[in-house]
Amino acid sequence: MKLDQAGLTERAAYVSDMARHFNIQEGMTALDDNLPQRFFREPLENGTTIRPEDLRRMIAEYYQIRGWGKDGMAVK
């Protein structure tokens, strides 16, 4: 298969969307998109911790960038 960078990017997005679709079909929800609790307790190298509301915002932005719905469902 010969693909340029755009073609490879498109195929990778498709595979990611299909994996997401499968996981949701098997019961995964947007609530499963989370980090272990230690990421909220233990400081990063810069001394800050991740706040749960910041993670939720970042996840929502990621869903939007991917073209997914607010529930994390791949809608492409």
Protein backbone atom coordinates (compact mmCIF):
# COMPACT_ATOMS: atom_id res chain seq x y z
CA MET A 1 0.00 0.00 0.00
CA LYS A 2 1.49 3.33 -1.00
CA LEU A 3 0.31 6.29 1.04
CA ASP A 4 1.49 9.83 1.35
CA GLN A 5 1.45 11.56 4.73
CA ALA A 6 -2.17 12.70 4.31
CA GLY A 7 -3.29 9.21 3.36
CA LEU A 8 -1.48 7.66 6.28
CA THR A 9 -2.99 10.23 8.66
CA GLU A 10 -6.45 9.46 7.29
CA ARG A 11 -5.98 5.70 7.73
CA ALA A 12 -4.66 6.14 11.27
CA ALA A 13 -7.68 8.30 12.19
CA TYR A 14 -9.99 5.66 10.72
CA VAL A 15 -8.36 2.87 12.75
CA SER A 16 -8.57 4.98 15.91
CA ASP A 17 -12.24 5.76 15.26
CA MET A 18 -13.04 2.08 14.68
CA ALA A 19 -11.23 1.07 17.88
CA ARG A 20 -13.20 3.72 19.76
CA HIS A 21 -16.45 2.52 18.21
CA PHE A 22 -15.68 -1.07 19.21
CA ASN A 23 -14.85 -0.07 22.79
CA ILE A 24 -18.07 1.91 23.12
CA GLN A 25 -20.02 -0.98 21.63
CA GLU A 26 -18.49 -3.18 24.35
CA GLY A 27 -19.62 -0.83 27.12
CA MET A 28 -16.94 1.82 27.42
CA THR A 29 -18.25 5.30 28.18
CA ALA A 30 -16.74 8.78 28.30
CA LEU A 31 -16.36 8.26 32.06
CA ASP A 32 -13.75 5.61 31.29
CA ASP A 33 -11.54 8.29 29.71
CA ASN A 34 -9.75 9.12 32.89
CA LEU A 35 -6.37 9.00 34.58
CA PRO A 36 -5.28 7.06 37.64
CA GLN A 37 -5.94 8.95 40.86
CA ARG A 38 -2.23 9.47 41.48
CA PHE A 39 -2.14 11.98 38.62
CA PHE A 40 -4.50 14.16 40.63
CA ARG A 41 -2.53 13.78 43.89
CA GLU A 42 1.16 13.61 42.96
CA PRO A 43 2.71 16.82 41.64
CA LEU A 44 4.16 17.00 38.16
CA GLU A 45 7.76 18.15 37.63
CA ASN A 46 6.61 21.78 37.70
CA GLY A 47 4.98 21.24 41.11
CA THR A 48 1.36 21.34 39.95
CA THR A 49 -1.20 18.57 39.91
CA ILE A 50 -3.82 17.85 37.29
CA ARG A 51 -7.25 19.00 38.36
CA PRO A 52 -10.19 16.76 37.37
CA GLU A 53 -12.02 19.72 35.77
CA ASP A 54 -8.95 20.48 33.62
CA LEU A 55 -8.79 16.88 32.45
CA ARG A 56 -12.50 16.92 31.55
CA ARG A 57 -11.95 20.12 29.54
CA MET A 58 -8.96 18.61 27.73
CA ILE A 59 -10.91 15.46 26.94
CA ALA A 60 -13.83 17.52 25.59
CA GLU A 61 -11.40 19.45 23.37
CA TYR A 62 -9.89 16.19 22.15
CA TYR A 63 -13.33 14.83 21.30
CA GLN A 64 -14.06 17.99 19.32
CA ILE A 65 -10.75 17.82 17.45
CA ARG A 66 -11.42 14.18 16.57
CA GLY A 67 -14.94 15.00 15.38
CA TRP A 68 -16.48 12.86 18.11
CA GLY A 69 -19.65 13.64 20.01
CA LYS A 70 -19.69 14.91 23.58
CA ASP A 71 -20.15 11.32 24.75
CA GLY A 72 -16.85 10.39 23.08
CA MET A 73 -18.56 8.47 20.31
CA ALA A 74 -16.78 8.54 16.98
CA VAL A 75 -19.42 10.09 14.72
CA LYS A 76 -17.46 10.26 11.48
